[in-house]
């Protein structure tokens, strides 16, 4: 059964870095996910930063966007106040900009699960105080 998903930073890093401890698990999960995976630009920025010292990895990441495997399906410009509200609500975590964007995406694309390695997503809730559907270890 294929599932629609919003992808967070961790799975993308693990998918592109064979040395990552979660590489195998992420690969198995990817087989069950329906393309394209939705992503926001702050997540892409984090991934590019984390993989930036590995030659060619940023190009591979951008190739996933170019090929349609990843789709930037959300605009911070249109959602900035909702994201600010989330970051205030979870200031004690603290919530990163990328995490806030992913949570907001989970509210907007409520038929998608969030594919993550980040345990903070078990704490985050939608604006209706519902848990976020997760694909996580």
N, C-alpha and C. Protein backbone atom coordinates (compact mmCIF):
# COMPACT_ATOMS: atom_id res chain seq x y z
N UNK A 1 0.84 -1.18 0.00
CA UNK A 1 0.00 0.00 0.00
C UNK A 1 0.89 1.24 0.00
N UNK A 2 0.70 2.11 -0.95
CA UNK A 2 1.50 3.33 -0.99
C UNK A 2 0.80 4.43 -0.19
N UNK A 3 1.63 5.26 0.43
CA UNK A 3 1.13 6.34 1.25
C UNK A 3 1.68 7.65 0.76
N UNK A 4 0.90 8.71 0.91
CA UNK A 4 1.35 10.05 0.59
C UNK A 4 2.09 10.60 1.80
N UNK A 5 3.18 11.32 1.57
CA UNK A 5 3.98 11.79 2.70
C UNK A 5 4.60 13.16 2.46
N UNK A 6 4.80 13.83 3.57
CA UNK A 6 5.58 15.06 3.67
C UNK A 6 6.91 14.61 4.27
N UNK A 7 8.01 14.99 3.66
CA UNK A 7 9.30 14.49 4.14
C UNK A 7 10.05 15.57 4.91
N UNK A 8 10.60 15.16 6.03
CA UNK A 8 11.41 16.01 6.90
C UNK A 8 12.89 15.83 6.54
N UNK A 9 13.73 16.56 7.18
CA UNK A 9 15.17 16.57 6.90
C UNK A 9 15.83 15.21 7.09
N UNK A 10 15.60 14.56 8.21
CA UNK A 10 16.31 13.33 8.55
C UNK A 10 16.24 12.24 7.51
N UNK A 11 15.04 11.90 7.02
CA UNK A 11 14.97 10.85 6.00
C UNK A 11 15.70 11.20 4.71
N UNK A 12 15.69 12.46 4.33
CA UNK A 12 16.41 12.85 3.11
C UNK A 12 17.92 12.71 3.29
N UNK A 13 18.41 13.14 4.45
CA UNK A 13 19.85 12.99 4.73
C UNK A 13 20.20 11.51 4.74
N UNK A 14 19.39 10.70 5.43
CA UNK A 14 19.68 9.27 5.53
C UNK A 14 19.61 8.59 4.16
N UNK A 15 18.68 9.00 3.32
CA UNK A 15 18.55 8.39 1.99
C UNK A 15 19.77 8.69 1.13
N UNK A 16 20.34 9.87 1.29
CA UNK A 16 21.46 10.30 0.44
C UNK A 16 22.83 9.96 1.02
N UNK A 17 22.87 9.56 2.29
CA UNK A 17 24.15 9.25 2.94
C UNK A 17 24.13 7.79 3.40
N UNK A 18 24.79 6.93 2.64
CA UNK A 18 24.81 5.49 2.96
C UNK A 18 25.40 5.19 4.33
N UNK A 19 26.18 6.11 4.86
CA UNK A 19 26.79 5.90 6.18
C UNK A 19 25.84 6.23 7.33
N UNK A 20 24.72 6.85 7.02
CA UNK A 20 23.76 7.23 8.06
C UNK A 20 23.14 5.97 8.65
N UNK A 21 22.99 5.93 9.96
CA UNK A 21 22.45 4.76 10.66
C UNK A 21 21.04 4.40 10.20
N UNK A 22 20.28 5.37 9.75
CA UNK A 22 18.90 5.11 9.33
C UNK A 22 18.77 4.84 7.83
N UNK A 23 19.87 4.77 7.11
CA UNK A 23 19.83 4.63 5.64
C UNK A 23 18.98 3.43 5.20
N UNK A 24 19.19 2.28 5.77
CA UNK A 24 18.45 1.08 5.37
C UNK A 24 16.97 1.19 5.68
N UNK A 25 16.63 1.66 6.87
CA UNK A 25 15.23 1.81 7.26
C UNK A 25 14.52 2.79 6.34
N UNK A 26 15.17 3.91 6.06
CA UNK A 26 14.57 4.92 5.17
C UNK A 26 14.35 4.34 3.78
N UNK A 27 15.30 3.60 3.27
CA UNK A 27 15.15 2.97 1.96
C UNK A 27 13.95 2.05 1.90
N UNK A 28 13.74 1.28 2.96
CA UNK A 28 12.57 0.38 3.01
C UNK A 28 11.28 1.18 3.03
N UNK A 29 11.23 2.27 3.78
CA UNK A 29 10.03 3.09 3.86
C UNK A 29 9.71 3.75 2.52
N UNK A 30 10.75 4.18 1.83
CA UNK A 30 10.55 4.86 0.55
C UNK A 30 9.83 3.97 -0.47
N UNK A 31 10.03 2.67 -0.37
CA UNK A 31 9.37 1.74 -1.29
C UNK A 31 7.85 1.77 -1.15
N UNK A 32 7.35 2.15 0.04
CA UNK A 32 5.91 2.14 0.30
C UNK A 32 5.27 3.53 0.17
N UNK A 33 6.06 4.52 -0.22
CA UNK A 33 5.53 5.88 -0.29
C UNK A 33 5.24 6.27 -1.74
N UNK A 34 4.14 6.97 -1.91
CA UNK A 34 3.72 7.41 -3.24
C UNK A 34 4.44 8.70 -3.61
N UNK A 35 5.13 8.70 -4.75
CA UNK A 35 5.74 9.95 -5.19
C UNK A 35 4.68 10.89 -5.74
N UNK A 36 4.92 12.18 -5.69
CA UNK A 36 6.11 12.80 -5.11
C UNK A 36 5.97 12.96 -3.60
N UNK A 37 7.09 13.00 -2.92
CA UNK A 37 7.10 13.36 -1.51
C UNK A 37 7.05 14.88 -1.45
N UNK A 38 6.21 15.41 -0.58
CA UNK A 38 6.11 16.86 -0.44
C UNK A 38 7.21 17.35 0.50
N UNK A 39 7.75 18.52 0.19
CA UNK A 39 8.85 19.07 0.97
C UNK A 39 8.71 20.59 0.97
N UNK A 40 9.29 21.22 1.98
CA UNK A 40 9.32 22.68 2.02
C UNK A 40 10.78 23.14 1.86
N UNK A 41 10.94 24.38 1.46
CA UNK A 41 12.28 24.89 1.20
C UNK A 41 13.18 24.90 2.44
N UNK A 42 12.66 25.20 3.66
CA UNK A 42 13.56 25.10 4.82
C UNK A 42 14.12 23.70 5.04
N UNK A 43 13.36 22.67 4.72
CA UNK A 43 13.88 21.30 4.82
C UNK A 43 14.98 21.09 3.78
N UNK A 44 14.76 21.54 2.56
CA UNK A 44 15.80 21.41 1.53
C UNK A 44 17.08 22.14 1.95
N UNK A 45 16.92 23.30 2.56
CA UNK A 45 18.07 24.07 3.02
C UNK A 45 18.84 23.31 4.09
N UNK A 46 18.12 22.72 5.05
CA UNK A 46 18.79 21.93 6.10
C UNK A 46 19.53 20.74 5.50
N UNK A 47 18.88 20.04 4.59
CA UNK A 47 19.52 18.87 3.97
C UNK A 47 20.77 19.28 3.22
N UNK A 48 20.66 20.35 2.42
CA UNK A 48 21.82 20.82 1.66
C UNK A 48 22.96 21.21 2.59
N UNK A 49 22.64 21.85 3.70
CA UNK A 49 23.67 22.22 4.68
C UNK A 49 24.32 20.98 5.27
N UNK A 50 23.51 20.02 5.70
CA UNK A 50 24.04 18.82 6.34
C UNK A 50 24.85 17.95 5.39
N UNK A 51 24.51 17.97 4.12
CA UNK A 51 25.23 17.15 3.14
C UNK A 51 26.26 17.96 2.35
N UNK A 52 26.34 19.25 2.62
CA UNK A 52 27.14 20.15 1.82
C UNK A 52 28.60 19.83 1.68
N UNK A 53 29.16 19.13 2.63
CA UNK A 53 30.59 18.79 2.55
C UNK A 53 30.85 17.51 1.79
N UNK A 54 29.78 16.88 1.35
CA UNK A 54 29.92 15.66 0.55
C UNK A 54 29.73 16.05 -0.92
N UNK A 55 30.78 15.95 -1.70
CA UNK A 55 30.71 16.40 -3.10
C UNK A 55 29.55 15.79 -3.87
N UNK A 56 28.81 16.66 -4.53
CA UNK A 56 27.74 16.21 -5.42
C UNK A 56 26.40 15.95 -4.76
N UNK A 57 26.33 15.90 -3.44
CA UNK A 57 25.08 15.53 -2.78
C UNK A 57 24.00 16.60 -2.92
N UNK A 58 24.38 17.87 -2.90
CA UNK A 58 23.38 18.92 -3.09
C UNK A 58 22.81 18.83 -4.50
N UNK A 59 23.65 18.50 -5.47
CA UNK A 59 23.16 18.33 -6.84
C UNK A 59 22.18 17.16 -6.91
N UNK A 60 22.47 16.08 -6.22
CA UNK A 60 21.56 14.93 -6.20
C UNK A 60 20.23 15.35 -5.57
N UNK A 61 20.29 16.09 -4.47
CA UNK A 61 19.07 16.56 -3.81
C UNK A 61 18.23 17.42 -4.76
N UNK A 62 18.86 18.37 -5.41
CA UNK A 62 18.14 19.23 -6.34
C UNK A 62 17.63 18.44 -7.56
N UNK A 63 18.35 17.39 -7.93
CA UNK A 63 17.88 16.51 -8.99
C UNK A 63 16.58 15.82 -8.61
N UNK A 64 16.40 15.50 -7.34
CA UNK A 64 15.15 14.89 -6.88
C UNK A 64 13.98 15.86 -7.04
N UNK A 65 14.25 17.14 -6.83
CA UNK A 65 13.22 18.15 -7.04
C UNK A 65 12.96 18.30 -8.54
N UNK A 66 14.03 18.38 -9.32
CA UNK A 66 13.92 18.54 -10.77
C UNK A 66 13.16 17.38 -11.42
N UNK A 67 13.40 16.18 -10.92
CA UNK A 67 12.76 15.00 -11.50
C UNK A 67 11.31 14.82 -11.07
N UNK A 68 10.91 15.54 -10.03
CA UNK A 68 9.55 15.40 -9.52
C UNK A 68 9.41 14.40 -8.40
N UNK A 69 10.49 13.74 -7.99
CA UNK A 69 10.43 12.82 -6.85
C UNK A 69 10.10 13.57 -5.56
N UNK A 70 10.61 14.80 -5.46
CA UNK A 70 10.28 15.71 -4.37
C UNK A 70 9.54 16.90 -4.99
N UNK A 71 8.50 17.35 -4.31
CA UNK A 71 7.75 18.50 -4.82
C UNK A 71 7.66 19.56 -3.73
N UNK A 72 8.17 20.75 -4.04
CA UNK A 72 8.03 21.89 -3.13
C UNK A 72 6.59 22.35 -3.29
N UNK A 73 5.77 22.03 -2.30
CA UNK A 73 4.32 22.15 -2.45
C UNK A 73 3.72 23.16 -1.49
N UNK A 74 4.54 24.07 -1.03
CA UNK A 74 4.08 24.90 0.06
C UNK A 74 4.89 26.18 0.07
N UNK A 75 4.26 27.29 0.43
CA UNK A 75 4.96 28.57 0.43
C UNK A 75 4.94 29.20 1.82
N UNK A 76 6.09 29.46 2.36
CA UNK A 76 6.19 30.13 3.65
C UNK A 76 5.55 31.51 3.58
N UNK A 77 5.68 32.16 2.45
CA UNK A 77 5.12 33.49 2.28
C UNK A 77 3.63 33.52 2.63
N UNK A 78 2.90 32.51 2.20
CA UNK A 78 1.46 32.45 2.45
C UNK A 78 1.12 31.96 3.85
N UNK A 79 2.07 31.34 4.53
CA UNK A 79 1.80 30.67 5.80
C UNK A 79 2.64 31.21 6.97
N UNK A 80 3.27 32.35 6.79
CA UNK A 80 4.22 32.83 7.78
C UNK A 80 3.59 33.05 9.16
N UNK A 81 2.37 33.56 9.23
CA UNK A 81 1.76 33.80 10.53
C UNK A 81 1.42 32.48 11.24
N UNK A 82 0.97 31.49 10.50
CA UNK A 82 0.71 30.18 11.10
C UNK A 82 2.00 29.56 11.61
N UNK A 83 3.08 29.70 10.86
CA UNK A 83 4.39 29.17 11.27
C UNK A 83 4.90 29.90 12.50
N UNK A 84 4.75 31.21 12.52
CA UNK A 84 5.16 31.98 13.71
C UNK A 84 4.39 31.51 14.94
N UNK A 85 3.10 31.26 14.77
CA UNK A 85 2.29 30.77 15.88
C UNK A 85 2.76 29.43 16.40
N UNK A 86 3.11 28.55 15.49
CA UNK A 86 3.63 27.23 15.89
C UNK A 86 4.96 27.37 16.64
N UNK A 87 5.83 28.23 16.15
CA UNK A 87 7.13 28.41 16.79
C UNK A 87 6.99 29.02 18.18
N UNK A 88 6.00 29.88 18.36
CA UNK A 88 5.72 30.43 19.70
C UNK A 88 5.16 29.34 20.61
N UNK A 89 4.22 28.57 20.08
CA UNK A 89 3.58 27.50 20.86
C UNK A 89 4.61 26.49 21.37
N UNK A 90 5.59 26.16 20.52
CA UNK A 90 6.58 25.14 20.87
C UNK A 90 7.95 25.74 21.19
N UNK A 91 7.98 26.95 21.68
CA UNK A 91 9.24 27.62 22.00
C UNK A 91 10.06 26.85 23.02
N UNK A 92 9.40 26.05 23.85
CA UNK A 92 10.13 25.26 24.86
C UNK A 92 10.81 24.04 24.26
N UNK A 93 10.59 23.72 22.98
CA UNK A 93 11.19 22.52 22.38
C UNK A 93 12.67 22.71 22.05
N UNK A 94 13.25 23.68 21.44
CA UNK A 94 12.65 24.69 20.58
C UNK A 94 12.40 24.12 19.19
N UNK A 95 11.40 24.64 18.53
CA UNK A 95 11.00 24.17 17.21
C UNK A 95 11.79 24.92 16.14
N UNK A 96 12.40 24.18 15.22
CA UNK A 96 13.14 24.83 14.11
C UNK A 96 12.14 25.35 13.08
N UNK A 97 12.61 26.24 12.23
CA UNK A 97 11.77 26.73 11.14
C UNK A 97 11.33 25.58 10.25
N UNK A 98 12.23 24.69 9.94
CA UNK A 98 11.87 23.54 9.09
C UNK A 98 10.78 22.69 9.76
N UNK A 99 10.92 22.42 11.05
CA UNK A 99 9.91 21.63 11.75
C UNK A 99 8.56 22.34 11.75
N UNK A 100 8.56 23.65 11.99
CA UNK A 100 7.31 24.41 11.98
C UNK A 100 6.64 24.34 10.60
N UNK A 101 7.44 24.43 9.56
CA UNK A 101 6.90 24.34 8.20
C UNK A 101 6.31 22.96 7.95
N UNK A 102 6.98 21.92 8.40
CA UNK A 102 6.47 20.55 8.21
C UNK A 102 5.16 20.36 8.98
N UNK A 103 5.10 20.87 10.21
CA UNK A 103 3.86 20.75 10.98
C UNK A 103 2.73 21.49 10.26
N UNK A 104 3.01 22.68 9.78
CA UNK A 104 1.97 23.43 9.06
C UNK A 104 1.56 22.69 7.79
N UNK A 105 2.52 22.10 7.10
CA UNK A 105 2.20 21.30 5.92
C UNK A 105 1.28 20.14 6.28
N UNK A 106 1.52 19.53 7.45
CA UNK A 106 0.69 18.41 7.90
C UNK A 106 -0.75 18.87 8.15
N UNK A 107 -0.91 20.12 8.53
CA UNK A 107 -2.26 20.67 8.70
C UNK A 107 -2.91 20.93 7.34
N UNK A 108 -2.15 21.48 6.42
CA UNK A 108 -2.67 21.83 5.09
C UNK A 108 -2.94 20.58 4.26
N UNK A 109 -1.98 19.64 4.28
CA UNK A 109 -2.10 18.39 3.51
C UNK A 109 -2.44 17.27 4.50
N UNK A 110 -3.65 17.32 5.04
CA UNK A 110 -4.00 16.41 6.13
C UNK A 110 -4.19 14.96 5.71
N UNK A 111 -4.09 14.69 4.41
CA UNK A 111 -4.14 13.30 3.94
C UNK A 111 -2.74 12.70 3.81
N UNK A 112 -1.73 13.46 4.19
CA UNK A 112 -0.33 13.02 4.12
C UNK A 112 0.20 12.75 5.53
N UNK A 113 1.04 11.74 5.66
CA UNK A 113 1.76 11.48 6.90
C UNK A 113 3.10 12.22 6.83
N UNK A 114 3.71 12.47 7.97
CA UNK A 114 5.03 13.10 8.03
C UNK A 114 6.08 12.00 8.18
N UNK A 115 7.00 11.96 7.24
CA UNK A 115 8.11 10.99 7.21
C UNK A 115 9.29 11.66 7.90
N UNK A 116 9.64 11.18 9.08
CA UNK A 116 10.65 11.85 9.89
C UNK A 116 11.44 10.87 10.74
N UNK A 117 12.59 11.32 11.19
CA UNK A 117 13.38 10.61 12.19
C UNK A 117 13.38 11.38 13.50
N UNK A 118 12.77 12.54 13.51
CA UNK A 118 12.79 13.48 14.63
C UNK A 118 11.70 13.13 15.64
N UNK A 119 12.09 12.83 16.87
CA UNK A 119 11.13 12.46 17.91
C UNK A 119 10.25 13.63 18.36
N UNK A 120 10.64 14.86 18.07
CA UNK A 120 9.80 16.01 18.44
C UNK A 120 8.44 15.96 17.77
N UNK A 121 8.33 15.31 16.63
CA UNK A 121 7.05 15.26 15.93
C UNK A 121 6.00 14.46 16.70
N UNK A 122 6.42 13.62 17.63
CA UNK A 122 5.46 12.91 18.49
C UNK A 122 4.82 13.87 19.49
N UNK A 123 5.47 15.00 19.75
CA UNK A 123 4.96 16.00 20.69
C UNK A 123 4.08 17.02 19.97
N UNK A 124 4.44 17.39 18.77
CA UNK A 124 3.72 18.42 18.03
C UNK A 124 2.28 17.98 17.74
N UNK A 125 1.38 18.97 17.72
CA UNK A 125 -0.02 18.73 17.43
C UNK A 125 -0.48 19.70 16.34
N UNK A 126 -1.54 19.31 15.64
CA UNK A 126 -2.12 20.20 14.64
C UNK A 126 -2.87 21.32 15.37
N UNK A 127 -3.36 22.28 14.59
CA UNK A 127 -4.11 23.39 15.18
C UNK A 127 -5.40 22.91 15.85
N UNK A 128 -5.87 21.72 15.50
CA UNK A 128 -7.04 21.13 16.15
C UNK A 128 -6.64 20.23 17.32
N UNK A 129 -5.38 20.34 17.75
CA UNK A 129 -4.81 19.58 18.86
C UNK A 129 -4.80 18.07 18.61
N UNK A 130 -4.71 17.69 17.35
CA UNK A 130 -4.63 16.28 16.98
C UNK A 130 -3.18 15.88 16.76
N UNK A 131 -2.80 14.66 17.09
CA UNK A 131 -1.44 14.21 16.79
C UNK A 131 -1.21 14.16 15.28
N UNK A 132 0.02 14.34 14.89
CA UNK A 132 0.40 14.29 13.48
C UNK A 132 0.63 12.84 13.11
N UNK A 133 0.07 12.42 11.98
CA UNK A 133 0.31 11.05 11.51
C UNK A 133 1.76 10.96 11.08
N UNK A 134 2.47 9.97 11.60
CA UNK A 134 3.90 9.86 11.37
C UNK A 134 4.29 8.55 10.70
N UNK A 135 5.36 8.64 9.94
CA UNK A 135 6.11 7.48 9.47
C UNK A 135 7.46 7.69 10.12
N UNK A 136 7.70 6.96 11.19
CA UNK A 136 8.91 7.17 11.98
C UNK A 136 9.33 5.85 12.62
N UNK A 137 10.63 5.73 12.91
CA UNK A 137 11.09 4.48 13.55
C UNK A 137 10.53 4.34 14.96
